[in-house]
Amino acid sequence: QITTVSGNEFLLQSDIDFLILDWFHAIKNAIDRLSKERSCTPRNLEFKLRRSSSIELLNSLDTESKDPKPEHRKSLIFRLNYSTSDTNDRNRVKSRLKKFISRRPSLKTLQEKGLIKDQIFGSHLHVVCEHEKSTVPQFVQLCINAVEKRGLDVDGIYRVSGNLATIQKLRFVVNQEEKLNLDDSQWEDIHVVTGALKMFFRELPEPLFPYCFFEQFVEAIKIQDNVSRIKSVRSLVKKLPRPNYETMKILFGHLKKIAAKESVNLMSTQSLGIVFGPTLLRPEKETGNMAVHMLYQNQIVELMLSEYSKIFGSEED
């Protein structure tokens, strides 16, 4: 998955490992080449890409207006001459806007007053569970129930993307309303439901596999002996916080049902590993080993699906 500076997201998928590596090296080379050419990028463009706050936007109006504009020969240049009063009015409006923005109440204050409800998307998993007094977010359970009811046989389930505008609409509804009916006709496209579920896990501030466990899972998947590898992964899973463990158990149990219908939906454990690997576990800080990590992420998901009963079962199993 690639996110550009302009906010565009691209998901590249393949079942062929060497092809994935080729993509990675091509993208990395393009990024390295762009960084070398960065000095040629106009200063104003760089600033616009970096800028994120409203106050910076207002402050930039003065600096941008003072920058000399290129003049071309044989072209007509029209200049607007503002009077002193016009300039004063503009400055007064900008000053008031700055004060308004700086005095905006915090999100916590708005939540305490009941003006904004607790968000489901973008919140920590344990925060959502504590708020709902559960160990698995209700939204996750609702999505899983909907997919198992009408999506197990759908070709490319979880791989095919739903309409992004409708997914965002569903996200808004989940964040604003307590009750959600996924059987409503507006959510009839099951790919919208699966897209929203993937977005929920993608937007967790800390992934379902906590950052502090990432390297341990990677080391476990490297173990050559299959029995020892399964035992090591099982031991790590048992150490997870309860909301993470319970949510993971339900999610992987659901994905195992998806893989069991591979002959119909064409979603094997490998395909599900490619889709969910980077979404469910990732390092806190990306390093040069991104391509290697990506392969391990996929393999961890594959192993947990293929050996689900041994990893999540009781000690006697």
C-alpha atoms as a PDB file:
ATOM      1  CA  GLN A   1       0.000   0.000   0.000  1.00  0.00           C
ATOM      2  CA  ILE A   2       1.378   3.415  -1.040  1.00  0.00           C
ATOM      3  CA  THR A   3       0.207   6.800   0.222  1.00  0.00           C
ATOM      4  CA  THR A   4       1.448   9.830  -1.708  1.00  0.00           C
ATOM      5  CA  VAL A   5       2.101  13.327  -0.318  1.00  0.00           C
ATOM      6  CA  SER A   6      -1.077  14.491  -2.021  1.00  0.00           C
ATOM      7  CA  GLY A   7      -3.157  11.931  -0.079  1.00  0.00           C
ATOM      8  CA  ASN A   8      -3.752   9.407  -2.871  1.00  0.00           C
ATOM      9  CA  GLU A   9      -3.638   5.739  -1.860  1.00  0.00           C
ATOM     10  CA  PHE A  10      -2.627   2.837  -4.105  1.00  0.00           C
ATOM     11  CA  LEU A  11      -2.815  -0.869  -3.294  1.00  0.00           C
ATOM     12  CA  LEU A  12      -0.591  -3.155  -5.381  1.00  0.00           C
ATOM     13  CA  GLN A  13      -1.250  -6.880  -4.998  1.00  0.00           C
ATOM     14  CA  SER A  14       0.293 -10.046  -6.382  1.00  0.00           C
ATOM     15  CA  ASP A  15       0.678 -13.664  -5.315  1.00  0.00           C
ATOM     16  CA  ILE A  16       4.165 -13.782  -6.841  1.00  0.00           C
ATOM     17  CA  ASP A  17       6.935 -12.847  -4.370  1.00  0.00           C
ATOM     18  CA  PHE A  18       9.606 -11.847  -6.893  1.00  0.00           C
ATOM     19  CA  LEU A  19       7.123  -9.578  -8.679  1.00  0.00           C
ATOM     20  CA  ILE A  20       6.344  -7.812  -5.395  1.00  0.00           C
ATOM     21  CA  LEU A  21      10.075  -7.279  -4.842  1.00  0.00           C
ATOM     22  CA  ASP A  22      10.435  -5.844  -8.360  1.00  0.00           C
ATOM     23  CA  TRP A  23       7.633  -3.368  -7.605  1.00  0.00           C
ATOM     24  CA  PHE A  24       9.264  -2.412  -4.330  1.00  0.00           C
ATOM     25  CA  HIS A  25      12.677  -1.738  -5.895  1.00  0.00           C
ATOM     26  CA  ALA A  26      11.101   0.259  -8.753  1.00  0.00           C
ATOM     27  CA  ILE A  27       9.161   2.441  -6.295  1.00  0.00           C
ATOM     28  CA  LYS A  28      12.184   2.848  -4.020  1.00  0.00           C
ATOM     29  CA  ASN A  29      14.383   3.909  -6.951  1.00  0.00           C
ATOM     30  CA  ALA A  30      11.753   6.444  -8.024  1.00  0.00           C
ATOM     31  CA  ILE A  31      11.605   7.888  -4.494  1.00  0.00           C
ATOM     32  CA  ASP A  32      15.418   8.080  -4.288  1.00  0.00           C
ATOM     33  CA  ARG A  33      15.549   9.793  -7.672  1.00  0.00           C
ATOM     34  CA  LEU A  34      12.899  12.309  -6.650  1.00  0.00           C
ATOM     35  CA  SER A  35      14.720  13.132  -3.422  1.00  0.00           C
ATOM     36  CA  LYS A  36      17.834  14.000  -5.441  1.00  0.00           C
ATOM     37  CA  GLU A  37      15.798  16.283  -7.675  1.00  0.00           C
ATOM     38  CA  ARG A  38      14.120  17.921  -4.713  1.00  0.00           C
ATOM     39  CA  SER A  39      16.271  21.010  -4.991  1.00  0.00           C
ATOM     40  CA  CYS A  40      14.605  21.714  -8.334  1.00  0.00           C
ATOM     41  CA  THR A  41      11.123  21.723  -6.775  1.00  0.00           C
ATOM     42  CA  PRO A  42       9.684  25.212  -6.421  1.00  0.00           C
ATOM     43  CA  ARG A  43       9.790  26.434  -2.849  1.00  0.00           C
ATOM     44  CA  ASN A  44       6.129  27.396  -2.791  1.00  0.00           C
ATOM     45  CA  LEU A  45       5.072  23.908  -3.920  1.00  0.00           C
ATOM     46  CA  GLU A  46       7.087  22.257  -1.181  1.00  0.00           C
ATOM     47  CA  PHE A  47       5.501  24.555   1.396  1.00  0.00           C
ATOM     48  CA  LYS A  48       1.996  23.819   0.158  1.00  0.00           C
ATOM     49  CA  LEU A  49       2.616  20.064   0.460  1.00  0.00           C
ATOM     50  CA  ARG A  50       3.956  20.432   3.972  1.00  0.00           C
ATOM     51  CA  ARG A  51       1.377  22.877   5.254  1.00  0.00           C
ATOM     52  CA  SER A  52      -1.433  21.339   7.282  1.00  0.00           C
ATOM     53  CA  SER A  53      -2.873  23.860   9.736  1.00  0.00           C
ATOM     54  CA  SER A  54      -5.326  26.655   9.008  1.00  0.00           C
ATOM     55  CA  ILE A  55      -3.177  29.273  10.770  1.00  0.00           C
ATOM     56  CA  GLU A  56      -0.221  28.457   8.497  1.00  0.00           C
ATOM     57  CA  LEU A  57      -2.536  28.897   5.550  1.00  0.00           C
ATOM     58  CA  LEU A  58      -3.521  32.360   6.718  1.00  0.00           C
ATOM     59  CA  ASN A  59       0.063  33.338   7.488  1.00  0.00           C
ATOM     60  CA  SER A  60       1.128  32.223   4.023  1.00  0.00           C
ATOM     61  CA  LEU A  61      -1.198  34.692   2.346  1.00  0.00           C
ATOM     62  CA  ASP A  62       1.103  37.584   3.228  1.00  0.00           C
ATOM     63  CA  THR A  63       4.309  35.844   2.155  1.00  0.00           C
ATOM     64  CA  GLU A  64       2.837  34.497  -1.069  1.00  0.00           C
ATOM     65  CA  SER A  65       1.448  37.871  -2.013  1.00  0.00           C
ATOM     66  CA  LYS A  66       4.908  39.410  -1.611  1.00  0.00           C
ATOM     67  CA  ASP A  67       6.619  36.886  -3.867  1.00  0.00           C
ATOM     68  CA  PRO A  68       7.451  38.425  -7.261  1.00  0.00           C
ATOM     69  CA  LYS A  69       5.244  37.014 -10.022  1.00  0.00           C
ATOM     70  CA  PRO A  70       6.798  36.209 -13.381  1.00  0.00           C
ATOM     71  CA  GLU A  71       6.071  38.704 -16.119  1.00  0.00           C
ATOM     72  CA  HIS A  72       5.989  37.555 -19.718  1.00  0.00           C
ATOM     73  CA  ARG A  73       6.615  39.709 -22.730  1.00  0.00           C
ATOM     74  CA  LYS A  74       3.719  40.558 -25.058  1.00  0.00           C
ATOM     75  CA  SER A  75       1.243  39.775 -22.267  1.00  0.00           C
ATOM     76  CA  LEU A  76      -1.194  42.134 -20.609  1.00  0.00           C
ATOM     77  CA  ILE A  77      -0.832  42.479 -16.851  1.00  0.00           C
ATOM     78  CA  PHE A  78      -3.751  43.832 -14.913  1.00  0.00           C
ATOM     79  CA  ARG A  79      -3.016  45.113 -11.443  1.00  0.00           C
ATOM     80  CA  LEU A  80      -5.660  45.782  -8.884  1.00  0.00           C
ATOM     81  CA  ASN A  81      -4.952  48.809  -6.756  1.00  0.00           C
ATOM     82  CA  TYR A  82      -6.455  48.434  -3.356  1.00  0.00           C
ATOM     83  CA  SER A  83      -7.143  51.488  -1.282  1.00  0.00           C
ATOM     84  CA  THR A  84      -5.822  51.809   2.241  1.00  0.00           C
ATOM     85  CA  SER A  85      -9.238  50.993   3.652  1.00  0.00           C
ATOM     86  CA  ASP A  86      -9.441  47.799   1.575  1.00  0.00           C
ATOM     87  CA  THR A  87      -6.076  46.667   2.914  1.00  0.00           C
ATOM     88  CA  ASN A  88      -7.104  47.422   6.481  1.00  0.00           C
ATOM     89  CA  ASP A  89     -10.326  45.451   6.010  1.00  0.00           C
ATOM     90  CA  ARG A  90      -8.419  42.440   4.713  1.00  0.00           C
ATOM     91  CA  ASN A  91      -5.964  42.546   7.614  1.00  0.00           C
ATOM     92  CA  ARG A  92      -8.825  42.871  10.091  1.00  0.00           C
ATOM     93  CA  VAL A  93     -10.609  39.825   8.634  1.00  0.00           C
ATOM     94  CA  LYS A  94      -7.423  37.745   8.729  1.00  0.00           C
ATOM     95  CA  SER A  95      -6.788  38.805  12.316  1.00  0.00           C
ATOM     96  CA  ARG A  96     -10.279  37.761  13.367  1.00  0.00           C
ATOM     97  CA  LEU A  97      -9.956  34.418  11.588  1.00  0.00           C
ATOM     98  CA  LYS A  98      -6.658  33.727  13.364  1.00  0.00           C
ATOM     99  CA  LYS A  99      -8.237  34.491  16.736  1.00  0.00           C
ATOM    100  CA  PHE A 100     -11.227  32.293  15.933  1.00  0.00           C
ATOM    101  CA  ILE A 101      -9.034  29.360  14.914  1.00  0.00           C
ATOM    102  CA  SER A 102      -6.713  29.704  17.915  1.00  0.00           C
ATOM    103  CA  ARG A 103      -9.689  29.800  20.315  1.00  0.00           C
ATOM    104  CA  ARG A 104     -11.357  26.680  18.959  1.00  0.00           C
ATOM    105  CA  PRO A 105     -12.246  24.277  21.811  1.00  0.00           C
ATOM    106  CA  SER A 106     -10.308  21.030  21.978  1.00  0.00           C
ATOM    107  CA  LEU A 107     -11.798  17.730  20.870  1.00  0.00           C
ATOM    108  CA  LYS A 108     -11.848  16.600  24.514  1.00  0.00           C
ATOM    109  CA  THR A 109     -13.885  19.666  25.530  1.00  0.00           C
ATOM    110  CA  LEU A 110     -16.407  19.090  22.743  1.00  0.00           C
ATOM    111  CA  GLN A 111     -16.739  15.429  23.763  1.00  0.00           C
ATOM    112  CA  GLU A 112     -17.264  16.382  27.424  1.00  0.00           C
ATOM    113  CA  LYS A 113     -20.069  18.769  26.401  1.00  0.00           C
ATOM    114  CA  GLY A 114     -21.659  16.051  24.282  1.00  0.00           C
ATOM    115  CA  LEU A 115     -21.229  18.006  21.046  1.00  0.00           C
ATOM    116  CA  ILE A 116     -18.986  15.315  19.554  1.00  0.00           C
ATOM    117  CA  LYS A 117     -19.377  11.640  20.315  1.00  0.00           C
ATOM    118  CA  ASP A 118     -16.477   9.255  20.824  1.00  0.00           C
ATOM    119  CA  GLN A 119     -15.075   8.213  17.480  1.00  0.00           C
ATOM    120  CA  ILE A 120     -14.900   4.557  16.465  1.00  0.00           C
ATOM    121  CA  PHE A 121     -12.567   4.978  13.502  1.00  0.00           C
ATOM    122  CA  GLY A 122      -9.126   6.274  14.450  1.00  0.00           C
ATOM    123  CA  SER A 123      -9.416   5.402  18.150  1.00  0.00           C
ATOM    124  CA  HIS A 124      -7.245   2.911  20.004  1.00  0.00           C
ATOM    125  CA  LEU A 125      -8.734  -0.584  20.117  1.00  0.00           C
ATOM    126  CA  HIS A 126      -8.807  -0.722  23.917  1.00  0.00           C
ATOM    127  CA  VAL A 127     -10.514   2.701  24.074  1.00  0.00           C
ATOM    128  CA  VAL A 128     -13.334   1.529  21.765  1.00  0.00           C
ATOM    129  CA  CYS A 129     -13.753  -1.682  23.772  1.00  0.00           C
ATOM    130  CA  GLU A 130     -13.755   0.146  27.116  1.00  0.00           C
ATOM    131  CA  HIS A 131     -16.397   2.564  25.830  1.00  0.00           C
ATOM    132  CA  GLU A 132     -18.581  -0.299  24.598  1.00  0.00           C
ATOM    133  CA  LYS A 133     -17.800  -2.484  27.635  1.00  0.00           C
ATOM    134  CA  SER A 134     -16.733  -5.324  25.356  1.00  0.00           C
ATOM    135  CA  THR A 135     -13.571  -7.077  24.179  1.00  0.00           C
ATOM    136  CA  VAL A 136     -14.420  -6.897  20.468  1.00  0.00           C
ATOM    137  CA  PRO A 137     -15.655  -3.670  18.801  1.00  0.00           C
ATOM    138  CA  GLN A 138     -19.329  -3.936  17.854  1.00  0.00           C
ATOM    139  CA  PHE A 139     -18.604  -2.569  14.376  1.00  0.00           C
ATOM    140  CA  VAL A 140     -16.122  -5.391  13.708  1.00  0.00           C
ATOM    141  CA  GLN A 141     -18.672  -7.982  14.808  1.00  0.00           C
ATOM    142  CA  LEU A 142     -21.416  -6.389  12.689  1.00  0.00           C
ATOM    143  CA  CYS A 143     -19.213  -6.405   9.568  1.00  0.00           C
ATOM    144  CA  ILE A 144     -18.168 -10.019  10.097  1.00  0.00           C
ATOM    145  CA  ASN A 145     -21.807 -11.083  10.551  1.00  0.00           C
ATOM    146  CA  ALA A 146     -22.820  -9.239   7.365  1.00  0.00           C
ATOM    147  CA  VAL A 147     -20.024 -10.791   5.288  1.00  0.00           C
ATOM    148  CA  GLU A 148     -20.750 -14.306   6.564  1.00  0.00           C
ATOM    149  CA  LYS A 149     -24.430 -13.772   5.818  1.00  0.00           C
ATOM    150  CA  ARG A 150     -24.101 -12.589   2.227  1.00  0.00           C
ATOM    151  CA  GLY A 151     -20.450 -12.430   1.155  1.00  0.00           C
ATOM    152  CA  LEU A 152     -18.699 -15.778   1.620  1.00  0.00           C
ATOM    153  CA  ASP A 153     -19.316 -16.788  -1.989  1.00  0.00           C
ATOM    154  CA  VAL A 154     -18.538 -13.392  -3.553  1.00  0.00           C
ATOM    155  CA  ASP A 155     -15.643 -13.424  -6.020  1.00  0.00           C
ATOM    156  CA  GLY A 156     -12.645 -11.496  -4.644  1.00  0.00           C
ATOM    157  CA  ILE A 157     -14.193 -10.746  -1.260  1.00  0.00           C
ATOM    158  CA  TYR A 158     -11.834  -8.416   0.695  1.00  0.00           C
ATOM    159  CA  ARG A 159      -9.612  -8.053  -2.388  1.00  0.00           C
ATOM    160  CA  VAL A 160     -12.091  -6.094  -4.516  1.00  0.00           C
ATOM    161  CA  SER A 161     -12.493  -2.458  -3.431  1.00  0.00           C
ATOM    162  CA  GLY A 162     -15.897  -0.936  -2.710  1.00  0.00           C
ATOM    163  CA  ASN A 163     -17.018   2.566  -3.645  1.00  0.00           C
ATOM    164  CA  LEU A 164     -14.833   4.886  -1.571  1.00  0.00           C
ATOM    165  CA  ALA A 165     -17.512   7.591  -1.235  1.00  0.00           C
ATOM    166  CA  THR A 166     -19.989   5.055   0.170  1.00  0.00           C
ATOM    167  CA  ILE A 167     -17.316   3.615   2.489  1.00  0.00           C
ATOM    168  CA  GLN A 168     -16.641   7.123   3.829  1.00  0.00           C
ATOM    169  CA  LYS A 169     -20.382   7.621   4.301  1.00  0.00           C
ATOM    170  CA  LEU A 170     -20.549   4.393   6.319  1.00  0.00           C
ATOM    171  CA  ARG A 171     -17.546   5.553   8.351  1.00  0.00           C
ATOM    172  CA  PHE A 172     -19.345   8.813   9.149  1.00  0.00           C
ATOM    173  CA  VAL A 173     -22.521   6.976  10.195  1.00  0.00           C
ATOM    174  CA  VAL A 174     -20.547   4.654  12.494  1.00  0.00           C
ATOM    175  CA  ASN A 175     -18.809   7.598  14.153  1.00  0.00           C
ATOM    176  CA  GLN A 176     -22.025   9.595  14.636  1.00  0.00           C
ATOM    177  CA  GLU A 177     -24.729   7.030  15.421  1.00  0.00           C
ATOM    178  CA  GLU A 178     -24.959   4.319  18.026  1.00  0.00           C
ATOM    179  CA  LYS A 179     -27.106   1.912  15.996  1.00  0.00           C
ATOM    180  CA  LEU A 180     -26.102   0.579  12.598  1.00  0.00           C
ATOM    181  CA  ASN A 181     -28.061  -1.688  10.288  1.00  0.00           C
ATOM    182  CA  LEU A 182     -25.803  -3.173   7.626  1.00  0.00           C
ATOM    183  CA  ASP A 183     -28.832  -4.860   6.049  1.00  0.00           C
ATOM    184  CA  ASP A 184     -30.011  -1.409   4.932  1.00  0.00           C
ATOM    185  CA  SER A 185     -30.163  -1.080   1.142  1.00  0.00           C
ATOM    186  CA  GLN A 186     -27.542   1.678   1.092  1.00  0.00           C
ATOM    187  CA  TRP A 187     -24.943  -0.883   2.288  1.00  0.00           C
ATOM    188  CA  GLU A 188     -26.075  -3.644  -0.118  1.00  0.00           C
ATOM    189  CA  ASP A 189     -22.669  -3.750  -1.833  1.00  0.00           C
ATOM    190  CA  ILE A 190     -20.763  -6.165   0.399  1.00  0.00           C
ATOM    191  CA  HIS A 191     -17.457  -4.685  -0.836  1.00  0.00           C
ATOM    192  CA  VAL A 192     -18.408  -1.452   0.935  1.00  0.00           C
ATOM    193  CA  VAL A 193     -18.736  -3.390   4.202  1.00  0.00           C
ATOM    194  CA  THR A 194     -15.396  -5.182   3.739  1.00  0.00           C
ATOM    195  CA  GLY A 195     -13.753  -1.910   2.688  1.00  0.00           C
ATOM    196  CA  ALA A 196     -14.992  -0.200   5.847  1.00  0.00           C
ATOM    197  CA  LEU A 197     -13.772  -3.079   8.018  1.00  0.00           C
ATOM    198  CA  LYS A 198     -10.298  -2.906   6.454  1.00  0.00           C
ATOM    199  CA  MET A 199     -10.328   0.886   6.924  1.00  0.00           C
ATOM    200  CA  PHE A 200     -11.169   0.450  10.615  1.00  0.00           C
ATOM    201  CA  PHE A 201      -8.106  -1.736  11.175  1.00  0.00           C
ATOM    202  CA  ARG A 202      -5.924   0.465   8.941  1.00  0.00           C
ATOM    203  CA  GLU A 203      -6.831   3.599  10.934  1.00  0.00           C
ATOM    204  CA  LEU A 204      -6.070   2.123  14.353  1.00  0.00           C
ATOM    205  CA  PRO A 205      -3.342   4.347  15.899  1.00  0.00           C
ATOM    206  CA  GLU A 206      -1.623   1.113  16.898  1.00  0.00           C
ATOM    207  CA  PRO A 207      -2.266  -1.961  14.724  1.00  0.00           C
ATOM    208  CA  LEU A 208      -4.056  -5.107  15.896  1.00  0.00           C
ATOM    209  CA  PHE A 209      -0.589  -6.659  16.369  1.00  0.00           C
ATOM    210  CA  PRO A 210       0.898  -4.052  18.786  1.00  0.00           C
ATOM    211  CA  TYR A 211       4.149  -2.379  17.749  1.00  0.00           C
ATOM    212  CA  CYS A 212       6.072  -3.924  20.649  1.00  0.00           C
ATOM    213  CA  PHE A 213       5.220  -7.412  19.315  1.00  0.00           C
ATOM    214  CA  PHE A 214       6.143  -6.816  15.673  1.00  0.00           C
ATOM    215  CA  GLU A 215       9.791  -7.917  15.782  1.00  0.00           C
ATOM    216  CA  GLN A 216       8.902 -10.902  17.969  1.00  0.00           C
ATOM    217  CA  PHE A 217       6.358 -12.151  15.423  1.00  0.00           C
ATOM    218  CA  VAL A 218       8.883 -11.639  12.622  1.00  0.00           C
ATOM    219  CA  GLU A 219      11.491 -13.684  14.505  1.00  0.00           C
ATOM    220  CA  ALA A 220       8.894 -16.390  15.161  1.00  0.00           C
ATOM    221  CA  ILE A 221       7.919 -16.728  11.494  1.00  0.00           C
ATOM    222  CA  LYS A 222      11.616 -17.150  10.590  1.00  0.00           C
ATOM    223  CA  ILE A 223      11.853 -20.374  12.606  1.00  0.00           C
ATOM    224  CA  GLN A 224      12.450 -23.267  10.195  1.00  0.00           C
ATOM    225  CA  ASP A 225      10.846 -26.065  12.196  1.00  0.00           C
ATOM    226  CA  ASN A 226       7.075 -25.843  11.653  1.00  0.00           C
ATOM    227  CA  VAL A 227       6.109 -27.199  15.092  1.00  0.00           C
ATOM    228  CA  SER A 228       8.415 -24.737  16.862  1.00  0.00           C
ATOM    229  CA  ARG A 229       7.213 -21.896  14.639  1.00  0.00           C
ATOM    230  CA  ILE A 230       3.557 -22.548  15.495  1.00  0.00           C
ATOM    231  CA  LYS A 231       4.383 -22.900  19.188  1.00  0.00           C
ATOM    232  CA  SER A 232       6.264 -19.576  19.188  1.00  0.00           C
ATOM    233  CA  VAL A 233       3.447 -17.702  17.400  1.00  0.00           C
ATOM    234  CA  ARG A 234       0.867 -19.244  19.735  1.00  0.00           C
ATOM    235  CA  SER A 235       2.871 -18.112  22.766  1.00  0.00           C
ATOM    236  CA  LEU A 236       3.027 -14.526  21.449  1.00  0.00           C
ATOM    237  CA  VAL A 237      -0.697 -14.469  20.657  1.00  0.00           C
ATOM    238  CA  LYS A 238      -1.508 -15.554  24.212  1.00  0.00           C
ATOM    239  CA  LYS A 239       0.505 -12.580  25.561  1.00  0.00           C
ATOM    240  CA  LEU A 240      -1.514  -9.970  23.648  1.00  0.00           C
ATOM    241  CA  PRO A 241      -3.837  -7.562  25.501  1.00  0.00           C
ATOM    242  CA  ARG A 242      -7.308  -9.073  25.813  1.00  0.00           C
ATOM    243  CA  PRO A 243      -9.066  -6.756  23.286  1.00  0.00           C
ATOM    244  CA  ASN A 244      -6.334  -7.532  20.735  1.00  0.00           C
ATOM    245  CA  TYR A 245      -6.494 -11.266  21.389  1.00  0.00           C
ATOM    246  CA  GLU A 246     -10.290 -11.536  21.296  1.00  0.00           C
ATOM    247  CA  THR A 247     -10.622  -9.331  18.197  1.00  0.00           C
ATOM    248  CA  MET A 248      -7.834 -11.259  16.467  1.00  0.00           C
ATOM    249  CA  LYS A 249      -9.427 -14.612  17.311  1.00  0.00           C
ATOM    250  CA  ILE A 250     -12.807 -13.574  15.884  1.00  0.00           C
ATOM    251  CA  LEU A 251     -11.286 -11.914  12.793  1.00  0.00           C
ATOM    252  CA  PHE A 252      -9.032 -14.848  11.885  1.00  0.00           C
ATOM    253  CA  GLY A 253     -11.852 -17.309  12.541  1.00  0.00           C
ATOM    254  CA  HIS A 254     -13.910 -15.305  10.059  1.00  0.00           C
ATOM    255  CA  LEU A 255     -11.102 -15.160   7.475  1.00  0.00           C
ATOM    256  CA  LYS A 256     -10.661 -18.934   7.821  1.00  0.00           C
ATOM    257  CA  LYS A 257     -14.286 -19.294   6.688  1.00  0.00           C
ATOM    258  CA  ILE A 258     -13.475 -17.059   3.700  1.00  0.00           C
ATOM    259  CA  ALA A 259     -10.485 -19.245   2.776  1.00  0.00           C
ATOM    260  CA  ALA A 260     -12.611 -22.396   3.109  1.00  0.00           C
ATOM    261  CA  LYS A 261     -14.692 -21.087   0.179  1.00  0.00           C
ATOM    262  CA  GLU A 262     -11.610 -20.502  -2.003  1.00  0.00           C
ATOM    263  CA  SER A 263     -13.022 -22.557  -4.876  1.00  0.00           C
ATOM    264  CA  VAL A 264     -15.906 -20.084  -5.143  1.00  0.00           C
ATOM    265  CA  ASN A 265     -14.549 -16.712  -3.986  1.00  0.00           C
ATOM    266  CA  LEU A 266     -10.957 -17.284  -5.225  1.00  0.00           C
ATOM    267  CA  MET A 267      -9.511 -16.011  -1.923  1.00  0.00           C
ATOM    268  CA  SER A 268      -6.805 -18.365  -0.644  1.00  0.00           C
ATOM    269  CA  THR A 269      -4.903 -17.968   2.629  1.00  0.00           C
ATOM    270  CA  GLN A 270      -2.078 -16.448   0.572  1.00  0.00           C
ATOM    271  CA  SER A 271      -4.434 -13.902  -0.995  1.00  0.00           C
ATOM    272  CA  LEU A 272      -5.839 -12.968   2.416  1.00  0.00           C
ATOM    273  CA  GLY A 273      -2.285 -12.671   3.753  1.00  0.00           C
ATOM    274  CA  ILE A 274      -1.458 -10.146   1.019  1.00  0.00           C
ATOM    275  CA  VAL A 275      -4.592  -8.118   1.783  1.00  0.00           C
ATOM    276  CA  PHE A 276      -4.433  -8.181   5.590  1.00  0.00           C
ATOM    277  CA  GLY A 277      -0.698  -8.522   6.318  1.00  0.00           C
ATOM    278  CA  PRO A 278       0.248  -4.822   6.036  1.00  0.00           C
ATOM    279  CA  THR A 279      -3.097  -3.775   7.593  1.00  0.00           C
ATOM    280  CA  LEU A 280      -2.879  -5.818  10.780  1.00  0.00           C
ATOM    281  CA  LEU A 281       0.823  -5.629  11.610  1.00  0.00           C
ATOM    282  CA  ARG A 282       3.546  -3.175  10.743  1.00  0.00           C
ATOM    283  CA  PRO A 283       6.682  -1.733  12.391  1.00  0.00           C
ATOM    284  CA  GLU A 284       6.345   1.518  14.316  1.00  0.00           C
ATOM    285  CA  LYS A 285       9.046   3.064  12.121  1.00  0.00           C
ATOM    286  CA  GLU A 286       9.543   2.049   8.508  1.00  0.00           C
ATOM    287  CA  THR A 287      13.093   1.025   7.609  1.00  0.00           C
ATOM    288  CA  GLY A 288      14.920  -0.039   4.482  1.00  0.00           C
ATOM    289  CA  ASN A 289      13.659  -3.588   5.091  1.00  0.00           C
ATOM    290  CA  MET A 290      10.124  -2.735   3.985  1.00  0.00           C
ATOM    291  CA  ALA A 291      10.015  -5.378   1.231  1.00  0.00           C
ATOM    292  CA  VAL A 292      11.302  -8.079   3.576  1.00  0.00           C
ATOM    293  CA  HIS A 293       8.858  -7.008   6.291  1.00  0.00           C
ATOM    294  CA  MET A 294       6.008  -7.163   3.793  1.00  0.00           C
ATOM    295  CA  LEU A 295       6.764 -10.802   3.019  1.00  0.00           C
ATOM    296  CA  TYR A 296       6.913 -11.686   6.723  1.00  0.00           C
ATOM    297  CA  GLN A 297       3.638  -9.819   7.385  1.00  0.00           C
ATOM    298  CA  ASN A 298       1.907 -11.894   4.725  1.00  0.00           C
ATOM    299  CA  GLN A 299       3.444 -15.139   5.982  1.00  0.00           C
ATOM    300  CA  ILE A 300       2.351 -14.465   9.573  1.00  0.00           C
ATOM    301  CA  VAL A 301      -1.268 -13.987   8.496  1.00  0.00           C
ATOM    302  CA  GLU A 302      -1.090 -17.121   6.299  1.00  0.00           C
ATOM    303  CA  LEU A 303       0.287 -19.210   9.167  1.00  0.00           C
ATOM    304  CA  MET A 304      -2.361 -18.017  11.614  1.00  0.00           C
ATOM    305  CA  LEU A 305      -5.084 -18.918   9.120  1.00  0.00           C
ATOM    306  CA  SER A 306      -3.727 -22.326   8.141  1.00  0.00           C
ATOM    307  CA  GLU A 307      -2.925 -23.265  11.777  1.00  0.00           C
ATOM    308  CA  TYR A 308      -5.828 -21.423  13.394  1.00  0.00           C
ATOM    309  CA  SER A 309      -6.978 -24.259  15.657  1.00  0.00           C
ATOM    310  CA  LYS A 310      -3.451 -24.862  17.014  1.00  0.00           C
ATOM    311  CA  ILE A 311      -2.755 -21.165  17.640  1.00  0.00           C
ATOM    312  CA  PHE A 312      -6.120 -20.157  19.152  1.00  0.00           C
ATOM    313  CA  GLY A 313      -7.258 -23.520  20.500  1.00  0.00           C
ATOM    314  CA  SER A 314      -6.978 -24.761  24.081  1.00  0.00           C
ATOM    315  CA  GLU A 315      -3.814 -26.293  25.495  1.00  0.00           C
ATOM    316  CA  GLU A 316      -5.233 -29.802  25.037  1.00  0.00           C
ATOM    317  CA  ASP A 317      -5.863 -29.304  21.268  1.00  0.00           C
END
